[in-house]
Each structure stands twice: as C-alpha cells, then as structure tokens.
PDB file of N, CA and C in Angstrom:
ATOM      1  N   UNK A   1      53.067 103.710 202.097  1.00  0.00           N
ATOM      2  CA  UNK A   1      52.046 103.139 201.246  1.00  0.00           C
ATOM      3  C   UNK A   1      52.221 103.607 199.803  1.00  0.00           C
ATOM      4  N   UNK A   2      52.671 104.833 199.627  1.00  0.00           N
ATOM      5  CA  UNK A   2      52.836 105.400 198.296  1.00  0.00           C
ATOM      6  C   UNK A   2      53.847 104.604 197.461  1.00  0.00           C
ATOM      7  N   UNK A   3      54.899 104.119 198.122  1.00  0.00           N
ATOM      8  CA  UNK A   3      55.902 103.352 197.387  1.00  0.00           C
ATOM      9  C   UNK A   3      55.315 102.036 196.864  1.00  0.00           C
ATOM     10  N   UNK A   4      54.348 101.465 197.553  1.00  0.00           N
ATOM     11  CA  UNK A   4      53.682 100.245 197.082  1.00  0.00           C
ATOM     12  C   UNK A   4      52.864 100.553 195.834  1.00  0.00           C
ATOM     13  N   UNK A   5      52.166 101.659 195.860  1.00  0.00           N
ATOM     14  CA  UNK A   5      51.373 102.070 194.693  1.00  0.00           C
ATOM     15  C   UNK A   5      52.302 102.364 193.521  1.00  0.00           C
ATOM     16  N   UNK A   6      53.385 103.069 193.783  1.00  0.00           N
ATOM     17  CA  UNK A   6      54.341 103.385 192.725  1.00  0.00           C
ATOM     18  C   UNK A   6      54.925 102.108 192.121  1.00  0.00           C
ATOM     19  N   UNK A   7      55.253 101.162 192.960  1.00  0.00           N
ATOM     20  CA  UNK A   7      55.803  99.889 192.479  1.00  0.00           C
ATOM     21  C   UNK A   7      54.767  99.149 191.642  1.00  0.00           C
ATOM     22  N   UNK A   8      53.533  99.176 192.082  1.00  0.00           N
ATOM     23  CA  UNK A   8      52.460  98.498 191.340  1.00  0.00           C
ATOM     24  C   UNK A   8      52.249  99.162 189.975  1.00  0.00           C
ATOM     25  N   UNK A   9      52.246 100.470 189.939  1.00  0.00           N
ATOM     26  CA  UNK A   9      52.089 101.204 188.678  1.00  0.00           C
ATOM     27  C   UNK A   9      53.252 100.889 187.730  1.00  0.00           C
ATOM     28  N   UNK A  10      54.455 100.858 188.275  1.00  0.00           N
ATOM     29  CA  UNK A  10      55.628 100.537 187.461  1.00  0.00           C
ATOM     30  C   UNK A  10      55.528  99.110 186.919  1.00  0.00           C
ATOM     31  N   UNK A  11      55.050  98.191 187.749  1.00  0.00           N
ATOM     32  CA  UNK A  11      54.881  96.800 187.337  1.00  0.00           C
ATOM     33  C   UNK A  11      53.859  96.698 186.199  1.00  0.00           C
ATOM     34  N   UNK A  12      52.732  97.376 186.334  1.00  0.00           N
ATOM     35  CA  UNK A  12      51.692  97.358 185.314  1.00  0.00           C
ATOM     36  C   UNK A  12      52.219  97.956 184.011  1.00  0.00           C
ATOM     37  N   UNK A  13      52.988  99.040 184.103  1.00  0.00           N
ATOM     38  CA  UNK A  13      53.565  99.650 182.901  1.00  0.00           C
ATOM     39  C   UNK A  13      54.530  98.689 182.221  1.00  0.00           C
ATOM     40  N   UNK A  14      55.341  98.003 182.997  1.00  0.00           N
ATOM     41  CA  UNK A  14      56.276  97.030 182.435  1.00  0.00           C
ATOM     42  C   UNK A  14      55.540  95.916 181.711  1.00  0.00           C
ATOM     43  N   UNK A  15      54.481  95.405 182.325  1.00  0.00           N
ATOM     44  CA  UNK A  15      53.674  94.349 181.701  1.00  0.00           C
ATOM     45  C   UNK A  15      53.075  94.861 180.392  1.00  0.00           C
ATOM     46  N   UNK A  16      52.559  96.066 180.406  1.00  0.00           N
ATOM     47  CA  UNK A  16      51.977  96.660 179.207  1.00  0.00           C
ATOM     48  C   UNK A  16      53.018  96.801 178.100  1.00  0.00           C
ATOM     49  N   UNK A  17      54.202  97.277 178.468  1.00  0.00           N
ATOM     50  CA  UNK A  17      55.283  97.426 177.491  1.00  0.00           C
ATOM     51  C   UNK A  17      55.686  96.071 176.919  1.00  0.00           C
ATOM     52  N   UNK A  18      55.783  95.071 177.761  1.00  0.00           N
ATOM     53  CA  UNK A  18      56.153  93.731 177.306  1.00  0.00           C
ATOM     54  C   UNK A  18      55.091  93.149 176.372  1.00  0.00           C
ATOM     55  N   UNK A  19      53.825  93.391 176.686  1.00  0.00           N
ATOM     56  CA  UNK A  19      52.754  92.909 175.815  1.00  0.00           C
ATOM     57  C   UNK A  19      52.831  93.579 174.445  1.00  0.00           C
ATOM     58  N   UNK A  20      53.136  94.864 174.418  1.00  0.00           N
ATOM     59  CA  UNK A  20      53.280  95.579 173.145  1.00  0.00           C
ATOM     60  C   UNK A  20      54.472  95.028 172.368  1.00  0.00           C
ATOM     61  N   UNK A  21      55.593  94.817 173.056  1.00  0.00           N
ATOM     62  CA  UNK A  21      56.771  94.246 172.415  1.00  0.00           C
ATOM     63  C   UNK A  21      56.456  92.873 171.836  1.00  0.00           C
ATOM     64  N   UNK A  22      55.735  92.057 172.591  1.00  0.00           N
ATOM     65  CA  UNK A  22      55.385  90.716 172.131  1.00  0.00           C
ATOM     66  C   UNK A  22      54.514  90.793 170.880  1.00  0.00           C
ATOM     67  N   UNK A  23      53.547  91.673 170.871  1.00  0.00           N
ATOM     68  CA  UNK A  23      52.668  91.820 169.710  1.00  0.00           C
ATOM     69  C   UNK A  23      53.466  92.240 168.474  1.00  0.00           C
ATOM     70  N   UNK A  24      54.387  93.176 168.661  1.00  0.00           N
ATOM     71  CA  UNK A  24      55.226  93.628 167.544  1.00  0.00           C
ATOM     72  C   UNK A  24      56.115  92.500 167.035  1.00  0.00           C
ATOM     73  N   UNK A  25      56.681  91.725 167.939  1.00  0.00           N
ATOM     74  CA  UNK A  25      57.538  90.607 167.537  1.00  0.00           C
ATOM     75  C   UNK A  25      56.748  89.521 166.822  1.00  0.00           C
ATOM     76  N   UNK A  26      55.555  89.229 167.303  1.00  0.00           N
ATOM     77  CA  UNK A  26      54.719  88.226 166.631  1.00  0.00           C
ATOM     78  C   UNK A  26      54.349  88.672 165.221  1.00  0.00           C
ATOM     79  N   UNK A  27      54.071  89.943 165.043  1.00  0.00           N
ATOM     80  CA  UNK A  27      53.764  90.473 163.709  1.00  0.00           C
ATOM     81  C   UNK A  27      54.995  90.381 162.805  1.00  0.00           C
ATOM     82  N   UNK A  28      56.148  90.678 163.354  1.00  0.00           N
ATOM     83  CA  UNK A  28      57.385  90.580 162.568  1.00  0.00           C
ATOM     84  C   UNK A  28      57.664  89.139 162.182  1.00  0.00           C
ATOM     85  N   UNK A  29      57.456  88.214 163.092  1.00  0.00           N
ATOM     86  CA  UNK A  29      57.641  86.794 162.792  1.00  0.00           C
ATOM     87  C   UNK A  29      56.724  86.377 161.650  1.00  0.00           C
ATOM     88  N   UNK A  30      55.478  86.829 161.702  1.00  0.00           N
ATOM     89  CA  UNK A  30      54.522  86.490 160.642  1.00  0.00           C
ATOM     90  C   UNK A  30      55.019  86.996 159.284  1.00  0.00           C
ATOM     91  N   UNK A  31      55.491  88.243 159.245  1.00  0.00           N
ATOM     92  CA  UNK A  31      55.988  88.800 157.987  1.00  0.00           C
ATOM     93  C   UNK A  31      57.226  88.048 157.495  1.00  0.00           C
ATOM     94  N   UNK A  32      58.111  87.678 158.398  1.00  0.00           N
ATOM     95  CA  UNK A  32      59.315  86.932 158.016  1.00  0.00           C
ATOM     96  C   UNK A  32      58.962  85.543 157.499  1.00  0.00           C
ATOM     97  N   UNK A  33      58.004  84.880 158.144  1.00  0.00           N
ATOM     98  CA  UNK A  33      57.569  83.565 157.667  1.00  0.00           C
ATOM     99  C   UNK A  33      56.969  83.661 156.270  1.00  0.00           C
ATOM    100  N   UNK A  34      56.155  84.683 156.041  1.00  0.00           N
ATOM    101  CA  UNK A  34      55.558  84.873 154.717  1.00  0.00           C
ATOM    102  C   UNK A  34      56.634  85.147 153.673  1.00  0.00           C
ATOM    103  N   UNK A  35      57.615  85.958 154.015  1.00  0.00           N
ATOM    104  CA  UNK A  35      58.701  86.267 153.087  1.00  0.00           C
ATOM    105  C   UNK A  35      59.534  85.019 152.786  1.00  0.00           C
ATOM    106  N   UNK A  36      59.827  84.230 153.814  1.00  0.00           N
ATOM    107  CA  UNK A  36      60.602  83.009 153.616  1.00  0.00           C
ATOM    108  C   UNK A  36      59.833  82.018 152.754  1.00  0.00           C
ATOM    109  N   UNK A  37      58.551  81.874 153.011  1.00  0.00           N
ATOM    110  CA  UNK A  37      57.733  80.961 152.214  1.00  0.00           C
ATOM    111  C   UNK A  37      57.713  81.404 150.750  1.00  0.00           C
ATOM    112  N   UNK A  38      57.560  82.684 150.515  1.00  0.00           N
ATOM    113  CA  UNK A  38      57.573  83.207 149.149  1.00  0.00           C
ATOM    114  C   UNK A  38      58.907  82.996 148.468  1.00  0.00           C
ATOM    115  N   UNK A  39      59.974  83.185 149.199  1.00  0.00           N
ATOM    116  CA  UNK A  39      61.313  82.989 148.647  1.00  0.00           C
ATOM    117  C   UNK A  39      61.540  81.531 148.270  1.00  0.00           C
ATOM    118  N   UNK A  40      61.123  80.620 149.131  1.00  0.00           N
ATOM    119  CA  UNK A  40      61.266  79.187 148.839  1.00  0.00           C
ATOM    120  C   UNK A  40      60.470  78.831 147.585  1.00  0.00           C
ATOM    121  N   UNK A  41      59.236  79.312 147.500  1.00  0.00           N
ATOM    122  CA  UNK A  41      58.410  79.020 146.317  1.00  0.00           C
ATOM    123  C   UNK A  41      59.068  79.554 145.047  1.00  0.00           C
ATOM    124  N   UNK A  42      59.614  80.759 145.119  1.00  0.00           N
ATOM    125  CA  UNK A  42      60.254  81.357 143.957  1.00  0.00           C
ATOM    126  C   UNK A  42      61.480  80.553 143.533  1.00  0.00           C
ATOM    127  N   UNK A  43      62.301  80.149 144.487  1.00  0.00           N
ATOM    128  CA  UNK A  43      63.506  79.373 144.177  1.00  0.00           C
ATOM    129  C   UNK A  43      63.124  78.023 143.570  1.00  0.00           C
ATOM    130  N   UNK A  44      62.122  77.367 144.141  1.00  0.00           N
ATOM    131  CA  UNK A  44      61.679  76.074 143.603  1.00  0.00           C
ATOM    132  C   UNK A  44      61.162  76.252 142.185  1.00  0.00           C
ATOM    133  N   UNK A  45      60.371  77.294 141.958  1.00  0.00           N
ATOM    134  CA  UNK A  45      59.856  77.556 140.617  1.00  0.00           C
ATOM    135  C   UNK A  45      61.001  77.797 139.638  1.00  0.00           C
ATOM    136  N   UNK A  46      61.972  78.600 140.036  1.00  0.00           N
ATOM    137  CA  UNK A  46      63.124  78.890 139.190  1.00  0.00           C
ATOM    138  C   UNK A  46      63.890  77.606 138.858  1.00  0.00           C
ATOM    139  N   UNK A  47      64.124  76.792 139.866  1.00  0.00           N
ATOM    140  CA  UNK A  47      64.867  75.545 139.648  1.00  0.00           C
ATOM    141  C   UNK A  47      64.083  74.603 138.741  1.00  0.00           C
ATOM    142  N   UNK A  48      62.780  74.510 138.951  1.00  0.00           N
ATOM    143  CA  UNK A  48      61.953  73.625 138.141  1.00  0.00           C
ATOM    144  C   UNK A  48      61.837  74.096 136.694  1.00  0.00           C
ATOM    145  N   UNK A  49      61.972  75.383 136.464  1.00  0.00           N
ATOM    146  CA  UNK A  49      61.832  75.917 135.104  1.00  0.00           C
ATOM    147  C   UNK A  49      63.040  75.597 134.225  1.00  0.00           C
ATOM    148  N   UNK A  50      64.178  75.348 134.842  1.00  0.00           N
ATOM    149  CA  UNK A  50      65.402  75.091 134.083  1.00  0.00           C
ATOM    150  C   UNK A  50      66.113  76.371 133.669  1.00  0.00           C
ATOM    151  N   UNK A  51      65.537  77.529 133.961  1.00  0.00           N
ATOM    152  CA  UNK A  51      66.155  78.803 133.585  1.00  0.00           C
ATOM    153  C   UNK A  51      67.458  79.066 134.330  1.00  0.00           C
ATOM    154  N   UNK A  52      67.663  78.365 135.407  1.00  0.00           N
ATOM    155  CA  UNK A  52      68.888  78.550 136.195  1.00  0.00           C
ATOM    156  C   UNK A  52      69.751  77.292 136.133  1.00  0.00           C
ATOM    157  N   UNK A  53      69.617  76.555 135.057  1.00  0.00           N
ATOM    158  CA  UNK A  53      70.333  75.291 134.939  1.00  0.00           C
ATOM    159  C   UNK A  53      69.474  74.176 135.504  1.00  0.00           C
ATOM    160  N   UNK A  54      70.053  73.026 135.575  1.00  0.00           N
ATOM    161  CA  UNK A  54      69.307  71.871 136.066  1.00  0.00           C
ATOM    162  C   UNK A  54      69.956  71.370 137.343  1.00  0.00           C
ATOM    163  N   UNK A  55      69.248  71.506 138.424  1.00  0.00           N
ATOM    164  CA  UNK A  55      69.736  71.087 139.727  1.00  0.00           C
ATOM    165  C   UNK A  55      68.546  70.715 140.581  1.00  0.00           C
ATOM    166  N   UNK A  56      68.799  69.850 141.534  1.00  0.00           N
ATOM    167  CA  UNK A  56      67.728  69.367 142.404  1.00  0.00           C
ATOM    168  C   UNK A  56      67.615  70.275 143.619  1.00  0.00           C
ATOM    169  N   UNK A  57      66.640  71.167 143.544  1.00  0.00           N
ATOM    170  CA  UNK A  57      66.450  72.139 144.613  1.00  0.00           C
ATOM    171  C   UNK A  57      66.126  71.458 145.942  1.00  0.00           C
ATOM    172  N   UNK A  58      65.520  70.299 145.881  1.00  0.00           N
ATOM    173  CA  UNK A  58      65.118  69.591 147.106  1.00  0.00           C
ATOM    174  C   UNK A  58      66.317  69.098 147.913  1.00  0.00           C
ATOM    175  N   UNK A  59      67.495  69.072 147.294  1.00  0.00           N
ATOM    176  CA  UNK A  59      68.698  68.636 148.003  1.00  0.00           C
ATOM    177  C   UNK A  59      69.511  69.803 148.561  1.00  0.00           C
ATOM    178  N   UNK A  60      69.077  71.022 148.306  1.00  0.00           N
ATOM    179  CA  UNK A  60      69.794  72.193 148.788  1.00  0.00           C
ATOM    180  C   UNK A  60      69.552  72.366 150.283  1.00  0.00           C
ATOM    181  N   UNK A  61      70.622  72.474 151.035  1.00  0.00           N
ATOM    182  CA  UNK A  61      70.493  72.557 152.494  1.00  0.00           C
ATOM    183  C   UNK A  61      69.686  73.784 152.933  1.00  0.00           C
ATOM    184  N   UNK A  62      69.786  74.875 152.191  1.00  0.00           N
ATOM    185  CA  UNK A  62      69.038  76.083 152.553  1.00  0.00           C
ATOM    186  C   UNK A  62      67.533  75.880 152.392  1.00  0.00           C
ATOM    187  N   UNK A  63      67.134  75.175 151.342  1.00  0.00           N
ATOM    188  CA  UNK A  63      65.713  74.889 151.111  1.00  0.00           C
ATOM    189  C   UNK A  63      65.207  73.919 152.173  1.00  0.00           C
ATOM    190  N   UNK A  64      65.999  72.914 152.470  1.00  0.00           N
ATOM    191  CA  UNK A  64      65.623  71.945 153.508  1.00  0.00           C
ATOM    192  C   UNK A  64      65.455  72.652 154.847  1.00  0.00           C
ATOM    193  N   UNK A  65      66.397  73.511 155.201  1.00  0.00           N
ATOM    194  CA  UNK A  65      66.338  74.238 156.472  1.00  0.00           C
ATOM    195  C   UNK A  65      65.155  75.212 156.500  1.00  0.00           C
ATOM    196  N   UNK A  66      64.916  75.893 155.395  1.00  0.00           N
ATOM    197  CA  UNK A  66      63.797  76.840 155.342  1.00  0.00           C
ATOM    198  C   UNK A  66      62.467  76.120 155.521  1.00  0.00           C
ATOM    199  N   UNK A  67      62.300  75.003 154.853  1.00  0.00           N
ATOM    200  CA  UNK A  67      61.053  74.255 154.979  1.00  0.00           C
ATOM    201  C   UNK A  67      60.887  73.704 156.398  1.00  0.00           C
ATOM    202  N   UNK A  68      61.972  73.246 156.980  1.00  0.00           N
ATOM    203  CA  UNK A  68      61.892  72.743 158.359  1.00  0.00           C
ATOM    204  C   UNK A  68      61.490  73.867 159.313  1.00  0.00           C
ATOM    205  N   UNK A  69      62.047  75.049 159.108  1.00  0.00           N
ATOM    206  CA  UNK A  69      61.713  76.186 159.972  1.00  0.00           C
ATOM    207  C   UNK A  69      60.248  76.585 159.803  1.00  0.00           C
ATOM    208  N   UNK A  70      59.747  76.518 158.585  1.00  0.00           N
ATOM    209  CA  UNK A  70      58.357  76.880 158.339  1.00  0.00           C
ATOM    210  C   UNK A  70      57.375  75.853 158.885  1.00  0.00           C
ATOM    211  N   UNK A  71      57.807  74.602 158.993  1.00  0.00           N
ATOM    212  CA  UNK A  71      56.916  73.547 159.504  1.00  0.00           C
ATOM    213  C   UNK A  71      56.786  73.571 161.010  1.00  0.00           C
ATOM    214  N   UNK A  72      57.802  74.075 161.692  1.00  0.00           N
ATOM    215  CA  UNK A  72      57.779  74.077 163.149  1.00  0.00           C
ATOM    216  C   UNK A  72      56.645  74.940 163.648  1.00  0.00           C
ATOM    217  N   UNK A  73      55.891  74.405 164.567  1.00  0.00           N
ATOM    218  CA  UNK A  73      54.801  75.162 165.162  1.00  0.00           C
ATOM    219  C   UNK A  73      55.379  76.092 166.211  1.00  0.00           C
ATOM    220  N   UNK A  74      55.048  77.352 166.085  1.00  0.00           N
ATOM    221  CA  UNK A  74      55.499  78.295 167.102  1.00  0.00           C
ATOM    222  C   UNK A  74      54.427  78.422 168.159  1.00  0.00           C
ATOM    223  N   UNK A  75      54.860  78.510 169.371  1.00  0.00           N
ATOM    224  CA  UNK A  75      53.940  78.625 170.510  1.00  0.00           C
ATOM    225  C   UNK A  75      54.321  79.843 171.338  1.00  0.00           C
ATOM    226  N   UNK A  76      54.060  81.038 170.769  1.00  0.00           N
ATOM    227  CA  UNK A  76      54.456  82.251 171.487  1.00  0.00           C
ATOM    228  C   UNK A  76      53.588  82.524 172.686  1.00  0.00           C
TER     229      UNK A  76
END
C-alpha cells in the first residue's frame, strides 16, 4: 500500500512542478511579446522619421513576421 501512496505523492509533486513551469513560461512569453511589440513600434517610428533613410518598413519580412506572431492568439 505504501508504494501506491508514494506513487501518488510523486505524481502530485510532478503536477505541481509542471504547473510552476507553465506559469514561468507564460510570464516569459508575456515579456517577450511586450519586448517584440516595443521593438516593432520603435523600428516603425525610426523608418517613418526618415532618420534611417527612406524605406517601406511595412514590406520588411521581419516586421511582417513579427506582427503576424503578435496577432496569433495563444491558448496555453
């Protein structure tokens, strides 16, 4: 019977650890999304100002990809 209890305790600990890992990852994702959004805004502002020459930031594949990634709804 003791081995059943031990297995159950180990299972509960694993679930707890996974929940903590998930919470940490979700927080990291949030920070990365905020950083990416800020970076995109800064690049667009720089391009629009003309201080970095004249180019169409909206055609840059990195900006297109960043915006697409930010639009996707995450369902963690």
